[in-house]
Amino acid sequence: MENSPPPSKAQPSAQPSAQPSAPPSASPSGFEESENFEVAERPKRGAVPEEGESIGRVRLPRGREVLGVLEQRLGASRILIKCFDGKTRTCRVPGRLKRELWLREGDIVIVEPWEYQSDDKGDVIYKYKSKAQVEWLKKNGYIKIEEEF
């Protein structure tokens, strides 16, 4: 036991011991933000896309459906629509779409004529929400420019 080394004393280091801290670029949640992270800007509603930009899919009339322009709101979820087949129809908004479709005069919509009294009445089933979609319909011949109101 004579040759045993004396008990070592803990020598104070030159720097005080500190707990490791998060790097300054880290967020409060603990995840580091990447330098390559970019936030994509959304186009504003109704904005016409520039050339080369896509507008996504545009819903087209199928089967008996026709395009039309809303002329007048009549109340009780009924509206007067001038259809592009040359007829003016009194249309209603079905209950499942009442809260979703906010219609104003001049809106372009898709109308499904009723099986009975198809020349006079119909249901509104879709509203084109952006100007870009309406421009695409005009450009591709679905809406005739001279028929606009």
Protein backbone atom coordinates (compact mmCIF):
# COMPACT_ATOMS: atom_id res chain seq x y z
CA MET A 1 0.00 0.00 0.00
CA GLU A 2 2.90 2.23 0.22
CA ASN A 3 3.21 2.48 -3.54
CA SER A 4 -0.40 3.49 -4.17
CA PRO A 5 -0.83 6.90 -5.72
CA PRO A 6 -2.33 9.62 -3.61
CA PRO A 7 -6.02 10.31 -4.22
CA SER A 8 -6.36 12.74 -7.13
CA LYS A 9 -7.90 16.06 -6.56
CA ALA A 10 -10.23 17.42 -9.19
CA GLN A 11 -8.45 20.34 -10.67
CA PRO A 12 -10.59 23.24 -11.77
CA SER A 13 -10.49 23.64 -15.54
CA ALA A 14 -9.84 26.92 -17.23
CA GLN A 15 -13.41 27.04 -18.62
CA PRO A 16 -16.46 26.59 -16.41
CA SER A 17 -18.41 23.49 -17.31
CA ALA A 18 -21.55 24.48 -19.15
CA GLN A 19 -24.30 22.32 -20.53
CA PRO A 20 -24.26 21.98 -24.32
CA SER A 21 -26.62 24.51 -25.86
CA ALA A 22 -28.47 24.43 -29.14
CA PRO A 23 -26.83 26.16 -32.06
CA PRO A 24 -28.12 29.68 -32.72
CA SER A 25 -29.85 28.60 -35.96
CA ALA A 26 -31.97 25.97 -34.22
CA SER A 27 -35.65 26.68 -33.75
CA PRO A 28 -37.39 26.41 -30.37
CA SER A 29 -38.77 23.02 -31.36
CA GLY A 30 -35.25 21.67 -31.62
CA PHE A 31 -35.18 21.14 -35.39
CA GLU A 32 -32.63 22.97 -37.42
CA GLU A 33 -33.87 24.98 -40.36
CA SER A 34 -32.28 24.01 -43.62
CA GLU A 35 -30.54 26.66 -45.64
CA ASN A 36 -32.11 25.18 -48.79
CA PHE A 37 -35.64 25.53 -47.44
CA GLU A 38 -37.79 27.86 -49.56
CA VAL A 39 -41.40 28.81 -49.05
CA ALA A 40 -43.33 28.58 -52.31
CA GLU A 41 -45.65 31.50 -52.86
CA ARG A 42 -49.21 30.66 -53.81
CA PRO A 43 -50.79 32.51 -56.68
CA LYS A 44 -53.54 34.88 -55.64
CA ARG A 45 -57.13 33.82 -56.27
CA GLY A 46 -58.35 34.83 -59.66
CA ALA A 47 -54.83 35.46 -60.94
CA VAL A 48 -54.25 34.56 -64.58
CA PRO A 49 -51.19 32.31 -64.82
CA GLU A 50 -48.23 33.45 -66.86
CA GLU A 51 -47.23 31.60 -70.00
CA GLY A 52 -45.82 28.19 -69.24
CA GLU A 53 -47.64 28.00 -65.90
CA SER A 54 -50.37 25.41 -65.58
CA ILE A 55 -53.77 26.15 -64.05
CA GLY A 56 -54.51 22.56 -63.12
CA ARG A 57 -57.51 20.67 -64.33
CA VAL A 58 -60.58 22.49 -65.53
CA ARG A 59 -63.89 20.72 -65.12
CA LEU A 60 -65.79 20.44 -68.37
CA PRO A 61 -69.49 19.72 -68.94
CA ARG A 62 -70.25 16.01 -69.37
CA GLY A 63 -73.26 14.40 -70.98
CA ARG A 64 -76.35 16.66 -70.69
CA GLU A 65 -74.55 19.38 -68.68
CA VAL A 66 -74.23 22.87 -70.19
CA LEU A 67 -72.29 26.02 -69.35
CA GLY A 68 -74.12 29.18 -68.35
CA VAL A 69 -73.79 32.68 -66.92
CA LEU A 70 -75.67 33.65 -63.80
CA GLU A 71 -78.02 36.53 -64.68
CA GLN A 72 -80.07 37.07 -61.53
CA ARG A 73 -80.45 35.68 -58.01
CA LEU A 74 -84.09 35.00 -57.25
CA GLY A 75 -83.85 33.96 -53.60
CA ALA A 76 -84.63 30.66 -51.86
CA SER A 77 -81.50 29.15 -53.48
CA ARG A 78 -82.94 29.75 -56.97
CA ILE A 79 -81.18 31.64 -59.72
CA LEU A 80 -81.78 32.64 -63.33
CA ILE A 81 -79.07 31.38 -65.69
CA LYS A 82 -78.52 32.15 -69.38
CA CYS A 83 -77.14 28.88 -70.76
CA PHE A 84 -74.85 28.66 -73.77
CA ASP A 85 -77.32 26.37 -75.55
CA GLY A 86 -79.54 29.46 -76.01
CA LYS A 87 -82.05 28.80 -73.23
CA THR A 88 -82.68 30.69 -70.00
CA ARG A 89 -83.28 28.36 -67.07
CA THR A 90 -84.48 28.83 -63.52
CA CYS A 91 -81.96 26.78 -61.58
CA ARG A 92 -81.58 25.79 -57.99
CA VAL A 93 -78.53 25.02 -55.87
CA PRO A 94 -78.88 21.48 -54.46
CA GLY A 95 -78.83 21.18 -50.67
CA ARG A 96 -75.45 19.45 -50.58
CA LEU A 97 -73.86 22.48 -52.31
CA LYS A 98 -75.73 25.36 -50.62
CA ARG A 99 -72.93 26.23 -48.22
CA GLU A 100 -70.13 25.57 -50.71
CA LEU A 101 -71.36 27.56 -53.74
CA TRP A 102 -71.46 31.29 -53.19
CA LEU A 103 -72.86 32.59 -56.44
CA ARG A 104 -72.88 36.15 -57.78
CA GLU A 105 -74.15 37.68 -60.99
CA GLY A 106 -71.78 37.07 -63.89
CA ASP A 107 -70.35 33.79 -62.54
CA ILE A 108 -69.77 30.99 -65.04
CA VAL A 109 -71.38 27.73 -63.89
CA ILE A 110 -72.22 24.25 -65.09
CA VAL A 111 -75.94 23.48 -65.17
CA GLU A 112 -77.53 20.05 -65.33
CA PRO A 113 -81.01 20.36 -66.89
CA TRP A 114 -83.80 18.40 -65.25
CA GLU A 115 -85.15 15.35 -67.06
CA TYR A 116 -88.64 16.85 -66.87
CA GLN A 117 -88.93 20.50 -68.06
CA SER A 118 -85.32 20.45 -69.21
CA ASP A 119 -85.76 23.66 -71.24
CA ASP A 120 -86.93 25.65 -68.20
CA LYS A 121 -85.29 24.21 -65.08
CA GLY A 122 -82.00 22.76 -63.90
CA ASP A 123 -79.51 22.34 -61.07
CA VAL A 124 -76.24 24.23 -60.64
CA ILE A 125 -73.56 21.63 -60.03
CA TYR A 126 -70.27 23.55 -60.38
CA LYS A 127 -68.92 27.11 -60.32
CA TYR A 128 -65.66 28.13 -61.99
CA LYS A 129 -63.75 29.75 -59.15
CA SER A 130 -60.85 31.50 -60.86
CA LYS A 131 -60.47 33.86 -63.77
CA ALA A 132 -57.75 31.59 -65.13
CA GLN A 133 -60.23 28.75 -65.59
CA VAL A 134 -62.68 31.04 -67.40
CA GLU A 135 -59.89 32.35 -69.65
CA TRP A 136 -58.93 28.76 -70.48
CA LEU A 137 -62.55 27.98 -71.43
CA LYS A 138 -62.65 31.05 -73.71
CA LYS A 139 -59.31 30.22 -75.30
CA ASN A 140 -60.38 26.65 -76.08
CA GLY A 141 -63.78 27.60 -77.50
CA TYR A 142 -66.11 26.37 -74.75
CA ILE A 143 -67.35 29.92 -74.10
CA LYS A 144 -68.08 32.15 -77.07
CA ILE A 145 -66.90 35.71 -76.47
CA GLU A 146 -69.81 37.39 -78.32
CA GLU A 147 -72.29 35.60 -76.01
CA GLU A 148 -70.82 37.23 -72.87
CA PHE A 149 -72.95 39.63 -70.94
